[in-house]
N, C-alpha and C. Protein backbone atom coordinates (compact mmCIF):
# COMPACT_ATOMS: atom_id res chain seq x y z
N MET A 1 105.76 82.18 114.30
CA MET A 1 105.14 82.99 115.34
C MET A 1 103.65 82.89 115.25
N HIS A 2 103.07 82.95 114.04
CA HIS A 2 101.65 82.87 113.89
C HIS A 2 101.08 81.52 114.40
N GLY A 3 101.81 80.46 114.08
CA GLY A 3 101.37 79.12 114.56
C GLY A 3 101.37 78.99 116.06
N GLU A 4 102.34 79.68 116.68
CA GLU A 4 102.43 79.65 118.16
C GLU A 4 101.22 80.32 118.79
N MET A 5 100.75 81.41 118.16
CA MET A 5 99.57 82.12 118.69
C MET A 5 98.31 81.31 118.50
N MET A 6 98.22 80.48 117.54
CA MET A 6 97.00 79.80 117.22
C MET A 6 97.02 78.30 117.61
N GLY A 7 97.71 78.00 118.71
CA GLY A 7 97.75 76.61 119.16
C GLY A 7 99.13 76.04 119.00
N GLY A 8 99.86 76.56 118.09
CA GLY A 8 101.25 76.30 117.94
C GLY A 8 101.63 74.85 117.55
N PRO A 9 102.87 74.68 117.15
CA PRO A 9 103.34 73.35 116.76
C PRO A 9 103.38 72.41 117.98
N GLN A 10 103.51 72.94 119.20
CA GLN A 10 103.55 72.10 120.35
C GLN A 10 102.24 71.38 120.58
N MET A 11 101.15 71.88 120.07
CA MET A 11 99.83 71.28 120.23
C MET A 11 99.25 70.78 118.94
N GLY A 12 99.99 70.79 117.88
CA GLY A 12 99.46 70.23 116.64
C GLY A 12 98.83 71.32 115.74
N GLY A 13 98.87 72.58 116.12
CA GLY A 13 98.40 73.66 115.29
C GLY A 13 96.88 73.73 115.18
N MET A 14 96.37 74.34 114.12
CA MET A 14 94.98 74.64 114.00
C MET A 14 94.12 73.32 113.85
N GLY A 15 94.64 72.34 113.20
CA GLY A 15 93.86 71.12 113.06
C GLY A 15 93.49 70.47 114.40
N TYR A 16 94.46 70.49 115.31
CA TYR A 16 94.22 69.95 116.66
C TYR A 16 93.23 70.79 117.41
N ARG A 17 93.40 72.12 117.28
CA ARG A 17 92.50 73.06 118.00
C ARG A 17 91.06 72.88 117.49
N ASP A 18 90.91 72.76 116.16
CA ASP A 18 89.58 72.61 115.56
C ASP A 18 88.92 71.30 116.02
N MET A 19 89.72 70.25 116.14
CA MET A 19 89.21 68.96 116.60
C MET A 19 88.69 69.06 118.03
N LEU A 20 89.49 69.74 118.90
CA LEU A 20 89.05 69.88 120.26
C LEU A 20 87.77 70.73 120.36
N LEU A 21 87.70 71.80 119.58
CA LEU A 21 86.52 72.66 119.59
C LEU A 21 85.27 71.86 119.13
N LYS A 22 85.45 71.06 118.11
CA LYS A 22 84.34 70.25 117.61
C LYS A 22 83.79 69.32 118.66
N ARG A 23 84.74 68.69 119.38
CA ARG A 23 84.36 67.77 120.45
C ARG A 23 83.65 68.52 121.57
N ALA A 24 84.20 69.68 121.90
CA ALA A 24 83.58 70.49 122.97
C ALA A 24 82.15 70.90 122.64
N TRP A 25 81.90 71.27 121.38
CA TRP A 25 80.59 71.72 120.97
C TRP A 25 79.56 70.57 121.15
N GLU A 26 79.99 69.31 120.99
CA GLU A 26 79.08 68.20 121.09
C GLU A 26 78.53 68.03 122.50
N TYR A 27 79.21 68.54 123.51
CA TYR A 27 78.80 68.36 124.91
C TYR A 27 78.05 69.55 125.45
N LEU A 28 77.91 70.61 124.68
CA LEU A 28 77.24 71.81 125.18
C LEU A 28 75.78 71.78 124.84
N ASP A 29 74.91 72.28 125.77
CA ASP A 29 73.52 72.39 125.46
C ASP A 29 73.29 73.71 124.70
N GLU A 30 72.08 74.01 124.31
CA GLU A 30 71.78 75.16 123.46
C GLU A 30 72.19 76.49 124.16
N ASP A 31 71.92 76.65 125.42
CA ASP A 31 72.25 77.90 126.11
C ASP A 31 73.74 78.05 126.21
N GLN A 32 74.46 76.97 126.54
CA GLN A 32 75.92 77.06 126.67
C GLN A 32 76.53 77.37 125.32
N THR A 33 75.99 76.82 124.24
CA THR A 33 76.46 77.09 122.92
C THR A 33 76.28 78.56 122.58
N ARG A 34 75.13 79.08 122.90
CA ARG A 34 74.83 80.50 122.63
C ARG A 34 75.79 81.38 123.40
N GLN A 35 76.03 81.06 124.69
CA GLN A 35 76.95 81.86 125.52
C GLN A 35 78.38 81.82 124.99
N MET A 36 78.79 80.62 124.50
CA MET A 36 80.15 80.54 123.98
C MET A 36 80.29 81.33 122.68
N ILE A 37 79.28 81.31 121.86
CA ILE A 37 79.31 82.05 120.58
C ILE A 37 79.35 83.56 120.92
N LEU A 38 78.55 84.00 121.88
CA LEU A 38 78.57 85.41 122.26
C LEU A 38 79.93 85.82 122.77
N ARG A 39 80.57 85.00 123.59
CA ARG A 39 81.92 85.38 124.09
C ARG A 39 82.90 85.42 122.97
N MET A 40 82.82 84.51 122.01
CA MET A 40 83.74 84.52 120.92
C MET A 40 83.58 85.76 120.05
N LEU A 41 82.30 86.14 119.84
CA LEU A 41 81.97 87.35 119.04
C LEU A 41 82.45 88.60 119.79
N ASP A 42 82.24 88.66 121.10
CA ASP A 42 82.70 89.79 121.88
C ASP A 42 84.23 89.96 121.77
N LYS A 43 84.97 88.86 121.86
CA LYS A 43 86.43 88.92 121.74
C LYS A 43 86.82 89.40 120.33
N LYS A 44 86.15 88.92 119.31
CA LYS A 44 86.45 89.32 117.96
C LYS A 44 86.18 90.81 117.72
N ILE A 45 85.08 91.30 118.29
CA ILE A 45 84.72 92.69 118.20
C ILE A 45 85.78 93.58 118.85
N LEU A 46 86.22 93.16 120.06
CA LEU A 46 87.27 93.91 120.76
C LEU A 46 88.56 93.92 119.95
N TYR A 47 88.92 92.76 119.37
CA TYR A 47 90.17 92.65 118.58
C TYR A 47 90.10 93.54 117.37
N ILE A 48 88.99 93.52 116.62
CA ILE A 48 88.83 94.36 115.44
C ILE A 48 88.86 95.84 115.82
N GLY A 49 88.20 96.16 116.92
CA GLY A 49 88.16 97.58 117.39
C GLY A 49 89.57 98.06 117.72
N ALA A 50 90.37 97.17 118.37
CA ALA A 50 91.74 97.59 118.70
C ALA A 50 92.59 97.78 117.43
N LYS A 51 92.42 96.90 116.43
CA LYS A 51 93.14 97.03 115.19
C LYS A 51 92.74 98.31 114.49
N MET A 52 91.46 98.65 114.53
CA MET A 52 91.05 99.90 113.87
C MET A 52 91.62 101.10 114.57
N GLU A 53 91.67 101.06 115.91
CA GLU A 53 92.29 102.18 116.62
C GLU A 53 93.77 102.32 116.30
N MET A 54 94.47 101.21 116.20
CA MET A 54 95.90 101.28 115.80
C MET A 54 96.03 101.85 114.41
N GLY A 55 95.14 101.51 113.53
CA GLY A 55 95.14 102.02 112.16
C GLY A 55 94.91 103.53 112.12
N LYS A 56 93.98 103.99 112.96
CA LYS A 56 93.71 105.42 113.06
C LYS A 56 94.93 106.16 113.54
N GLN A 57 95.60 105.62 114.56
CA GLN A 57 96.82 106.26 115.08
C GLN A 57 97.91 106.30 114.05
N LYS A 58 98.06 105.21 113.29
CA LYS A 58 99.07 105.17 112.22
C LYS A 58 98.73 106.21 111.15
N LEU A 59 97.48 106.32 110.78
CA LEU A 59 97.03 107.30 109.81
C LEU A 59 97.34 108.73 110.24
N GLU A 60 97.05 109.02 111.51
CA GLU A 60 97.31 110.34 112.03
C GLU A 60 98.82 110.66 112.06
N THR A 61 99.60 109.69 112.38
CA THR A 61 101.08 109.84 112.37
C THR A 61 101.56 110.15 110.99
N MET A 62 101.03 109.43 109.99
CA MET A 62 101.46 109.67 108.59
C MET A 62 101.02 111.06 108.14
N LYS A 63 99.85 111.49 108.52
CA LYS A 63 99.38 112.84 108.15
C LYS A 63 100.30 113.89 108.75
N MET A 64 100.69 113.70 110.02
CA MET A 64 101.61 114.67 110.62
C MET A 64 102.96 114.67 109.95
N MET A 65 103.46 113.48 109.59
CA MET A 65 104.73 113.41 108.89
C MET A 65 104.66 114.12 107.54
N ARG A 66 103.54 113.92 106.83
CA ARG A 66 103.37 114.59 105.53
C ARG A 66 103.36 116.06 105.67
N GLU A 67 102.65 116.58 106.66
CA GLU A 67 102.58 118.02 106.92
C GLU A 67 103.97 118.59 107.23
N MET A 68 104.74 117.84 108.07
CA MET A 68 106.07 118.34 108.43
C MET A 68 106.99 118.37 107.24
N ILE A 69 106.95 117.34 106.42
CA ILE A 69 107.78 117.27 105.24
C ILE A 69 107.39 118.33 104.22
N ALA A 70 106.08 118.58 104.08
CA ALA A 70 105.57 119.56 103.12
C ALA A 70 106.02 120.99 103.53
N LYS A 71 106.18 121.20 104.85
CA LYS A 71 106.59 122.51 105.35
C LYS A 71 108.13 122.63 105.29
N GLY A 72 108.81 121.54 104.97
CA GLY A 72 110.27 121.60 104.89
C GLY A 72 111.01 121.15 106.09
N GLY A 73 110.32 120.63 107.09
CA GLY A 73 110.96 120.16 108.29
C GLY A 73 110.69 118.70 108.50
N THR A 74 111.68 118.01 109.05
CA THR A 74 111.47 116.59 109.36
C THR A 74 111.56 116.31 110.87
N GLY A 75 111.74 117.37 111.66
CA GLY A 75 111.80 117.18 113.07
C GLY A 75 113.21 116.77 113.56
N GLY A 76 114.15 116.62 112.62
CA GLY A 76 115.54 116.22 112.94
C GLY A 76 116.34 117.43 113.31
N LYS A 77 117.68 117.27 113.27
CA LYS A 77 118.62 118.36 113.67
C LYS A 77 118.58 119.51 112.67
């Protein structure tokens, strides 16, 4: 599954992707390179932010479960 998300076996995986990126960088001028780097960083920032938000939600869920169990209830029948 991880390989499929990152270029996958159908395209040769990460090595193939890296080779294509390297070739693409050779044809970009300085401004295009800067813009591409900024877009990549923006995507990474959004991805990390989303992961952090999911972590916060998981933490809050665990805190609620702990409180319920400490009070003697599990929310079941």
